[in-house]
Structure formats: C-alpha cells, structure tokens
Amino acid sequence: MTLPRSLAFSLALGTALAAAPVALPLLSAPPALAQSAPAAAITGPVSALYAGLGQVQARNSGSFAQRTQVLGPVVDRVYDLETVLRASVGLRYAGFSDADKQQLRDVFRQFTVARYVSSFKPGGDARFTIDPTPRPSPVGSDQIVTTHIGSAEDAEGTEIDYVMRSGPQGWRIVDVLLNAHISQVAAQRSDFSATLSSGNVQNLIALLQKKVRAFSED
C-alpha cells in the first residue's frame, strides 16, 4: 500500500528512491544494554515524534514557521542527527573542517524538520500506529520499532520502521526504513554523494538550503 499523496513520505529527497539495501552505521549499543532496556524506552521517541506530527497536522496549527517551532525541539529529542548525518555523508565527513561540520549540521537539522513539516500539513488525516514490541536489528544491537502511517481511507497504510540506538541521551532514531527495507540513510548517502563528488561541502550545504526553501513553500 502507498501513503496518501499529502504525506509524500518524508524519506523523499527530491529524487526517486531506489530500493536501497538497509545500510546501518556499524557502531551500536552494547548487547546487554539493548537486551535489558524496557520496550517503552525504545518506542518512546517514536511516540513523541508521532505526537509532534499530530500537532503540526492539526487544523489551525499555524504557518510553516510556527509548525517548525513546534516540531524542531521534538526532532532534536528523538533523533541522533549527528549519527544520521555522518552515515548519510560517509567517509568524507571526517575530512570537513569544524566550521563546515557545524554549518552542515545546522542546515541538515533544518532540512530534517522542514521535510516533516512540509509532508504533514494542517488538516491532514494521517493515522499513526506503533507496535509496542521492538525487535532486534540484524546489525549490531540496535532495535527496530515497527509502525504504520495510514489515513481514514487506509487505516493500515504504509509500514515505516525506525532504527533505534542507545546512547548517552537514551534511545534515539538513527535511520528510517520504508516498507522494512528502504533505508533513509542509504537514500540520502546516494543523493549527497553526487553533490559531494566535487569535494566541496558547500555544494551540499547549498543543496540542503534549497530543499528547505522548497519545503517551506506551502
């Protein structure tokens, strides 16, 4: 099944998503920690994300800027954006200057928030369901939270899975999987790689800034 047109799944990067294999970062939580964590601690960030998306799609939820103000802090809490960005850029990331890394982190955060705010518009009818029992990831000791995003016409909707990793700030999202196998990180790595082929990180920053502007035109 496919998502309603208004949701346009937030994996979309302005390019078609290929059936990219699940490509997760290699470092993960220690096995004992992952095994002993209560399920609610692992699923909690996804619940918080969906609550935030419910707020921004509510009627009279305000302008794009106002909805960004609501969702931005939620994304900061539930995502490990540094890990997502590193994995999306790949080995080139280590060679960037500290100033370039900071600028890239800032615009990547804006891009992530804007993509969600653009996809879940006021008056939307997205319905969120979360499987309360996480399952082990096939890679390392990450955990996967299975969810579905549907609508009034299609309650089951589309399967969206979240790869969760434990760190100093608790369990946080490090990847998103469409239909259990299309990795957001892998799709972004493909998209970003072409832009970074010249070796100039400013090209990627400019691309993300352009995407943020496009997302905000609602």
C-alpha atoms as a PDB file:
ATOM      1  CA  MET A   1       0.000   0.000   0.000  1.00  0.00           C
ATOM      2  CA  THR A   2       1.098   3.572  -0.522  1.00  0.00           C
ATOM      3  CA  LEU A   3       0.856   6.653   1.636  1.00  0.00           C
ATOM      4  CA  PRO A   4      -1.732   9.306   0.836  1.00  0.00           C
ATOM      5  CA  ARG A   5      -0.369  11.912  -1.546  1.00  0.00           C
ATOM      6  CA  SER A   6      -0.388  14.587   1.183  1.00  0.00           C
ATOM      7  CA  LEU A   7       2.134  12.616   3.235  1.00  0.00           C
ATOM      8  CA  ALA A   8       4.636  12.019   0.415  1.00  0.00           C
ATOM      9  CA  PHE A   9       6.745  10.062   2.893  1.00  0.00           C
ATOM     10  CA  SER A  10       9.431  12.146   4.471  1.00  0.00           C
ATOM     11  CA  LEU A  11      12.178   9.952   3.056  1.00  0.00           C
ATOM     12  CA  ALA A  12      11.682  11.779  -0.249  1.00  0.00           C
ATOM     13  CA  LEU A  13      14.724  13.863  -1.099  1.00  0.00           C
ATOM     14  CA  GLY A  14      13.533  15.360  -4.354  1.00  0.00           C
ATOM     15  CA  THR A  15      14.937  12.357  -6.198  1.00  0.00           C
ATOM     16  CA  ALA A  16      13.361   8.963  -6.742  1.00  0.00           C
ATOM     17  CA  LEU A  17      14.118   6.463  -4.008  1.00  0.00           C
ATOM     18  CA  ALA A  18      15.758   3.331  -5.303  1.00  0.00           C
ATOM     19  CA  ALA A  19      15.291   0.103  -3.407  1.00  0.00           C
ATOM     20  CA  ALA A  20      18.403   0.752  -1.414  1.00  0.00           C
ATOM     21  CA  PRO A  21      19.535  -2.044   0.885  1.00  0.00           C
ATOM     22  CA  VAL A  22      19.314  -1.422   4.588  1.00  0.00           C
ATOM     23  CA  ALA A  23      22.628   0.248   5.368  1.00  0.00           C
ATOM     24  CA  LEU A  24      23.017   0.920   9.053  1.00  0.00           C
ATOM     25  CA  PRO A  25      26.000   2.503  10.828  1.00  0.00           C
ATOM     26  CA  LEU A  26      28.338  -0.098  12.243  1.00  0.00           C
ATOM     27  CA  LEU A  27      28.569   1.144  15.823  1.00  0.00           C
ATOM     28  CA  SER A  28      25.656   0.202  18.040  1.00  0.00           C
ATOM     29  CA  ALA A  29      24.561  -0.199  21.634  1.00  0.00           C
ATOM     30  CA  PRO A  30      26.249  -2.825  23.831  1.00  0.00           C
ATOM     31  CA  PRO A  31      24.265  -6.095  23.633  1.00  0.00           C
ATOM     32  CA  ALA A  32      23.474  -6.205  27.363  1.00  0.00           C
ATOM     33  CA  LEU A  33      22.042  -2.682  27.281  1.00  0.00           C
ATOM     34  CA  ALA A  34      19.807  -3.400  24.301  1.00  0.00           C
ATOM     35  CA  GLN A  35      18.529  -6.646  25.815  1.00  0.00           C
ATOM     36  CA  SER A  36      17.694  -5.136  29.200  1.00  0.00           C
ATOM     37  CA  ALA A  37      16.014  -1.929  28.014  1.00  0.00           C
ATOM     38  CA  PRO A  38      12.253  -1.736  28.631  1.00  0.00           C
ATOM     39  CA  ALA A  39      10.236  -1.628  25.420  1.00  0.00           C
ATOM     40  CA  ALA A  40       8.704   1.734  26.343  1.00  0.00           C
ATOM     41  CA  ALA A  41      12.151   3.338  26.490  1.00  0.00           C
ATOM     42  CA  ILE A  42      12.846   2.194  22.932  1.00  0.00           C
ATOM     43  CA  THR A  43       9.466   3.084  21.434  1.00  0.00           C
ATOM     44  CA  GLY A  44       9.106   6.330  23.404  1.00  0.00           C
ATOM     45  CA  PRO A  45      10.974   8.568  20.929  1.00  0.00           C
ATOM     46  CA  VAL A  46       8.805   7.316  18.049  1.00  0.00           C
ATOM     47  CA  SER A  47       5.664   8.001  20.082  1.00  0.00           C
ATOM     48  CA  ALA A  48       6.953  11.518  20.765  1.00  0.00           C
ATOM     49  CA  LEU A  49       7.684  12.079  17.071  1.00  0.00           C
ATOM     50  CA  TYR A  50       4.198  10.984  16.069  1.00  0.00           C
ATOM     51  CA  ALA A  51       2.642  13.176  18.744  1.00  0.00           C
ATOM     52  CA  GLY A  52       4.566  16.103  17.276  1.00  0.00           C
ATOM     53  CA  LEU A  53       3.446  15.249  13.762  1.00  0.00           C
ATOM     54  CA  GLY A  54      -0.110  15.098  15.034  1.00  0.00           C
ATOM     55  CA  GLN A  55       0.282  18.626  16.363  1.00  0.00           C
ATOM     56  CA  VAL A  56       1.639  20.089  13.129  1.00  0.00           C
ATOM     57  CA  GLN A  57      -1.083  18.468  11.020  1.00  0.00           C
ATOM     58  CA  ALA A  58      -3.881  19.723  13.286  1.00  0.00           C
ATOM     59  CA  ARG A  59      -6.206  22.329  11.831  1.00  0.00           C
ATOM     60  CA  ASN A  60      -5.184  25.878  12.676  1.00  0.00           C
ATOM     61  CA  SER A  61      -1.684  24.702  13.623  1.00  0.00           C
ATOM     62  CA  GLY A  62      -0.263  27.870  12.101  1.00  0.00           C
ATOM     63  CA  SER A  63       2.187  28.859   9.427  1.00  0.00           C
ATOM     64  CA  PHE A  64       5.131  26.801   8.247  1.00  0.00           C
ATOM     65  CA  ALA A  65       7.392  28.775  10.589  1.00  0.00           C
ATOM     66  CA  GLN A  66       5.080  28.214  13.552  1.00  0.00           C
ATOM     67  CA  ARG A  67       4.838  24.495  12.892  1.00  0.00           C
ATOM     68  CA  THR A  68       8.623  24.347  12.584  1.00  0.00           C
ATOM     69  CA  GLN A  69       8.888  25.916  16.039  1.00  0.00           C
ATOM     70  CA  VAL A  70       6.674  23.137  17.387  1.00  0.00           C
ATOM     71  CA  LEU A  71       8.374  20.206  15.679  1.00  0.00           C
ATOM     72  CA  GLY A  72      12.011  21.317  15.832  1.00  0.00           C
ATOM     73  CA  PRO A  73      12.532  20.560  19.539  1.00  0.00           C
ATOM     74  CA  VAL A  74      10.817  17.190  19.088  1.00  0.00           C
ATOM     75  CA  VAL A  75      13.208  16.203  16.292  1.00  0.00           C
ATOM     76  CA  ASP A  76      16.134  17.309  18.473  1.00  0.00           C
ATOM     77  CA  ARG A  77      14.987  14.972  21.252  1.00  0.00           C
ATOM     78  CA  VAL A  78      14.094  11.886  19.251  1.00  0.00           C
ATOM     79  CA  TYR A  79      16.758  11.818  16.517  1.00  0.00           C
ATOM     80  CA  ASP A  80      20.504  11.348  16.819  1.00  0.00           C
ATOM     81  CA  LEU A  81      21.011  13.774  13.939  1.00  0.00           C
ATOM     82  CA  GLU A  82      24.796  13.696  14.221  1.00  0.00           C
ATOM     83  CA  THR A  83      24.854   9.942  13.636  1.00  0.00           C
ATOM     84  CA  VAL A  84      22.326  10.200  10.791  1.00  0.00           C
ATOM     85  CA  LEU A  85      24.342  12.940   9.104  1.00  0.00           C
ATOM     86  CA  ARG A  86      27.663  11.125   9.443  1.00  0.00           C
ATOM     87  CA  ALA A  87      26.211   7.965   7.958  1.00  0.00           C
ATOM     88  CA  SER A  88      24.478   9.904   5.182  1.00  0.00           C
ATOM     89  CA  VAL A  89      27.681  11.704   4.153  1.00  0.00           C
ATOM     90  CA  GLY A  90      30.040   8.764   4.640  1.00  0.00           C
ATOM     91  CA  LEU A  91      33.827   8.853   4.980  1.00  0.00           C
ATOM     92  CA  ARG A  92      34.092  12.374   3.576  1.00  0.00           C
ATOM     93  CA  TYR A  93      32.594  13.765   6.777  1.00  0.00           C
ATOM     94  CA  ALA A  94      35.785  13.229   8.789  1.00  0.00           C
ATOM     95  CA  GLY A  95      37.712  15.473   6.389  1.00  0.00           C
ATOM     96  CA  PHE A  96      35.445  18.509   6.766  1.00  0.00           C
ATOM     97  CA  SER A  97      36.624  21.454   8.838  1.00  0.00           C
ATOM     98  CA  ASP A  98      34.944  22.065  12.195  1.00  0.00           C
ATOM     99  CA  ALA A  99      33.253  25.169  10.782  1.00  0.00           C
ATOM    100  CA  ASP A 100      31.918  23.253   7.783  1.00  0.00           C
ATOM    101  CA  LYS A 101      30.679  20.434  10.018  1.00  0.00           C
ATOM    102  CA  GLN A 102      28.790  22.884  12.207  1.00  0.00           C
ATOM    103  CA  GLN A 103      27.218  24.635   9.229  1.00  0.00           C
ATOM    104  CA  LEU A 104      26.275  21.288   7.709  1.00  0.00           C
ATOM    105  CA  ARG A 105      24.773  20.053  10.994  1.00  0.00           C
ATOM    106  CA  ASP A 106      22.678  23.211  11.274  1.00  0.00           C
ATOM    107  CA  VAL A 107      21.267  23.030   7.757  1.00  0.00           C
ATOM    108  CA  PHE A 108      20.731  19.247   7.992  1.00  0.00           C
ATOM    109  CA  ARG A 109      18.639  19.812  11.099  1.00  0.00           C
ATOM    110  CA  GLN A 110      16.604  22.480   9.269  1.00  0.00           C
ATOM    111  CA  PHE A 111      16.201  20.103   6.320  1.00  0.00           C
ATOM    112  CA  THR A 112      15.006  17.226   8.516  1.00  0.00           C
ATOM    113  CA  VAL A 113      12.436  19.361  10.317  1.00  0.00           C
ATOM    114  CA  ALA A 114      11.238  21.138   7.161  1.00  0.00           C
ATOM    115  CA  ARG A 115      10.745  17.839   5.345  1.00  0.00           C
ATOM    116  CA  TYR A 116       8.405  16.602   8.058  1.00  0.00           C
ATOM    117  CA  VAL A 117       6.525  19.904   8.374  1.00  0.00           C
ATOM    118  CA  SER A 118       6.006  20.003   4.613  1.00  0.00           C
ATOM    119  CA  SER A 119       4.722  16.424   4.492  1.00  0.00           C
ATOM    120  CA  PHE A 120       2.265  16.702   7.397  1.00  0.00           C
ATOM    121  CA  LYS A 121       0.188  19.751   6.585  1.00  0.00           C
ATOM    122  CA  PRO A 122      -2.614  21.339   8.635  1.00  0.00           C
ATOM    123  CA  GLY A 123      -5.861  19.437   8.213  1.00  0.00           C
ATOM    124  CA  GLY A 124      -4.095  16.206   7.311  1.00  0.00           C
ATOM    125  CA  ASP A 125      -5.581  12.924   8.438  1.00  0.00           C
ATOM    126  CA  ALA A 126      -2.511  10.775   8.948  1.00  0.00           C
ATOM    127  CA  ARG A 127      -3.122   7.966  11.413  1.00  0.00           C
ATOM    128  CA  PHE A 128      -0.167   6.573  13.355  1.00  0.00           C
ATOM    129  CA  THR A 129       0.112   3.110  14.883  1.00  0.00           C
ATOM    130  CA  ILE A 130       3.131   1.752  16.729  1.00  0.00           C
ATOM    131  CA  ASP A 131       3.965  -1.862  17.502  1.00  0.00           C
ATOM    132  CA  PRO A 132       4.728  -1.797  21.259  1.00  0.00           C
ATOM    133  CA  THR A 133       7.295  -4.594  20.960  1.00  0.00           C
ATOM    134  CA  PRO A 134      10.622  -3.628  19.316  1.00  0.00           C
ATOM    135  CA  ARG A 135      12.624  -6.279  17.527  1.00  0.00           C
ATOM    136  CA  PRO A 136      16.394  -6.691  17.279  1.00  0.00           C
ATOM    137  CA  SER A 137      18.113  -5.181  14.276  1.00  0.00           C
ATOM    138  CA  PRO A 138      20.064  -7.591  12.080  1.00  0.00           C
ATOM    139  CA  VAL A 139      23.050  -5.263  12.545  1.00  0.00           C
ATOM    140  CA  GLY A 140      24.722  -4.866  15.935  1.00  0.00           C
ATOM    141  CA  SER A 141      22.469  -4.283  18.928  1.00  0.00           C
ATOM    142  CA  ASP A 142      20.151  -1.630  17.553  1.00  0.00           C
ATOM    143  CA  GLN A 143      16.420  -2.154  17.907  1.00  0.00           C
ATOM    144  CA  ILE A 144      13.683  -1.654  15.302  1.00  0.00           C
ATOM    145  CA  VAL A 145      10.306  -0.132  16.057  1.00  0.00           C
ATOM    146  CA  THR A 146       7.627  -1.026  13.500  1.00  0.00           C
ATOM    147  CA  THR A 147       4.899   1.498  12.775  1.00  0.00           C
ATOM    148  CA  HIS A 148       2.274   2.218  10.145  1.00  0.00           C
ATOM    149  CA  ILE A 149       1.154   5.574   8.798  1.00  0.00           C
ATOM    150  CA  GLY A 150      -2.283   5.450   7.237  1.00  0.00           C
ATOM    151  CA  SER A 151      -5.368   7.555   6.747  1.00  0.00           C
ATOM    152  CA  ALA A 152      -9.117   7.391   7.287  1.00  0.00           C
ATOM    153  CA  GLU A 153      -9.444   5.531   3.974  1.00  0.00           C
ATOM    154  CA  ASP A 154      -6.454   3.251   4.560  1.00  0.00           C
ATOM    155  CA  ALA A 155      -6.007   2.571   8.257  1.00  0.00           C
ATOM    156  CA  GLU A 156      -3.146   0.104   7.764  1.00  0.00           C
ATOM    157  CA  GLY A 157      -1.254   2.421   5.444  1.00  0.00           C
ATOM    158  CA  THR A 158       2.456   2.098   4.845  1.00  0.00           C
ATOM    159  CA  GLU A 159       4.967   0.392   7.106  1.00  0.00           C
ATOM    160  CA  ILE A 160       7.588   2.799   8.442  1.00  0.00           C
ATOM    161  CA  ASP A 161      10.257   1.300  10.720  1.00  0.00           C
ATOM    162  CA  TYR A 162      12.628   3.221  12.970  1.00  0.00           C
ATOM    163  CA  VAL A 163      16.121   2.001  13.795  1.00  0.00           C
ATOM    164  CA  MET A 164      16.802   2.914  17.417  1.00  0.00           C
ATOM    165  CA  ARG A 165      20.169   3.180  19.146  1.00  0.00           C
ATOM    166  CA  SER A 166      21.020   3.731  22.793  1.00  0.00           C
ATOM    167  CA  GLY A 167      23.482   6.450  23.748  1.00  0.00           C
ATOM    168  CA  PRO A 168      24.181   8.983  26.494  1.00  0.00           C
ATOM    169  CA  GLN A 169      20.805  10.645  25.859  1.00  0.00           C
ATOM    170  CA  GLY A 170      18.836   7.405  25.749  1.00  0.00           C
ATOM    171  CA  TRP A 171      17.309   5.635  22.763  1.00  0.00           C
ATOM    172  CA  ARG A 172      17.142   7.754  19.639  1.00  0.00           C
ATOM    173  CA  ILE A 173      16.362   7.297  15.951  1.00  0.00           C
ATOM    174  CA  VAL A 174      19.354   6.657  13.659  1.00  0.00           C
ATOM    175  CA  ASP A 175      17.575   5.513  10.486  1.00  0.00           C
ATOM    176  CA  VAL A 176      14.101   5.172   8.992  1.00  0.00           C
ATOM    177  CA  LEU A 177      13.052   2.253   6.793  1.00  0.00           C
ATOM    178  CA  LEU A 178      10.232   2.370   4.261  1.00  0.00           C
ATOM    179  CA  ASN A 179       8.445  -0.973   3.821  1.00  0.00           C
ATOM    180  CA  ALA A 180      11.042  -2.549   6.131  1.00  0.00           C
ATOM    181  CA  HIS A 181      13.958  -2.317   3.691  1.00  0.00           C
ATOM    182  CA  ILE A 182      14.390   1.071   2.004  1.00  0.00           C
ATOM    183  CA  SER A 183      16.834   2.987   4.175  1.00  0.00           C
ATOM    184  CA  GLN A 184      16.616   6.747   4.538  1.00  0.00           C
ATOM    185  CA  VAL A 185      20.328   6.896   5.324  1.00  0.00           C
ATOM    186  CA  ALA A 186      21.198   4.883   2.202  1.00  0.00           C
ATOM    187  CA  ALA A 187      18.961   7.071   0.039  1.00  0.00           C
ATOM    188  CA  GLN A 188      20.486  10.243   1.465  1.00  0.00           C
ATOM    189  CA  ARG A 189      24.006   8.869   1.011  1.00  0.00           C
ATOM    190  CA  SER A 190      23.283   8.309  -2.669  1.00  0.00           C
ATOM    191  CA  ASP A 191      21.803  11.781  -3.057  1.00  0.00           C
ATOM    192  CA  PHE A 192      24.567  13.521  -1.112  1.00  0.00           C
ATOM    193  CA  SER A 193      27.383  11.585  -2.796  1.00  0.00           C
ATOM    194  CA  ALA A 194      26.635  13.045  -6.197  1.00  0.00           C
ATOM    195  CA  THR A 195      26.647  16.554  -4.742  1.00  0.00           C
ATOM    196  CA  LEU A 196      29.906  15.955  -2.867  1.00  0.00           C
ATOM    197  CA  SER A 197      31.694  14.453  -5.863  1.00  0.00           C
ATOM    198  CA  SER A 198      33.490  17.761  -6.417  1.00  0.00           C
ATOM    199  CA  GLY A 199      34.840  17.595  -2.871  1.00  0.00           C
ATOM    200  CA  ASN A 200      33.211  20.898  -1.887  1.00  0.00           C
ATOM    201  CA  VAL A 201      30.959  20.580   1.163  1.00  0.00           C
ATOM    202  CA  GLN A 202      29.451  23.987   0.396  1.00  0.00           C
ATOM    203  CA  ASN A 203      27.685  22.369  -2.559  1.00  0.00           C
ATOM    204  CA  LEU A 204      25.866  20.026  -0.178  1.00  0.00           C
ATOM    205  CA  ILE A 205      25.032  22.869   2.180  1.00  0.00           C
ATOM    206  CA  ALA A 206      23.602  24.849  -0.737  1.00  0.00           C
ATOM    207  CA  LEU A 207      21.567  21.822  -1.875  1.00  0.00           C
ATOM    208  CA  LEU A 208      20.035  21.357   1.570  1.00  0.00           C
ATOM    209  CA  GLN A 209      19.288  25.067   1.851  1.00  0.00           C
ATOM    210  CA  LYS A 210      17.499  24.882  -1.490  1.00  0.00           C
ATOM    211  CA  LYS A 211      15.454  21.905  -0.300  1.00  0.00           C
ATOM    212  CA  VAL A 212      14.495  23.742   2.900  1.00  0.00           C
ATOM    213  CA  ARG A 213      13.254  26.692   0.857  1.00  0.00           C
ATOM    214  CA  ALA A 214      11.244  24.364  -1.386  1.00  0.00           C
ATOM    215  CA  PHE A 215       9.692  22.583   1.581  1.00  0.00           C
ATOM    216  CA  SER A 216       8.684  25.901   3.155  1.00  0.00           C
ATOM    217  CA  GLU A 217       6.657  26.993   0.124  1.00  0.00           C
ATOM    218  CA  ASP A 218       3.344  25.669   1.371  1.00  0.00           C
END
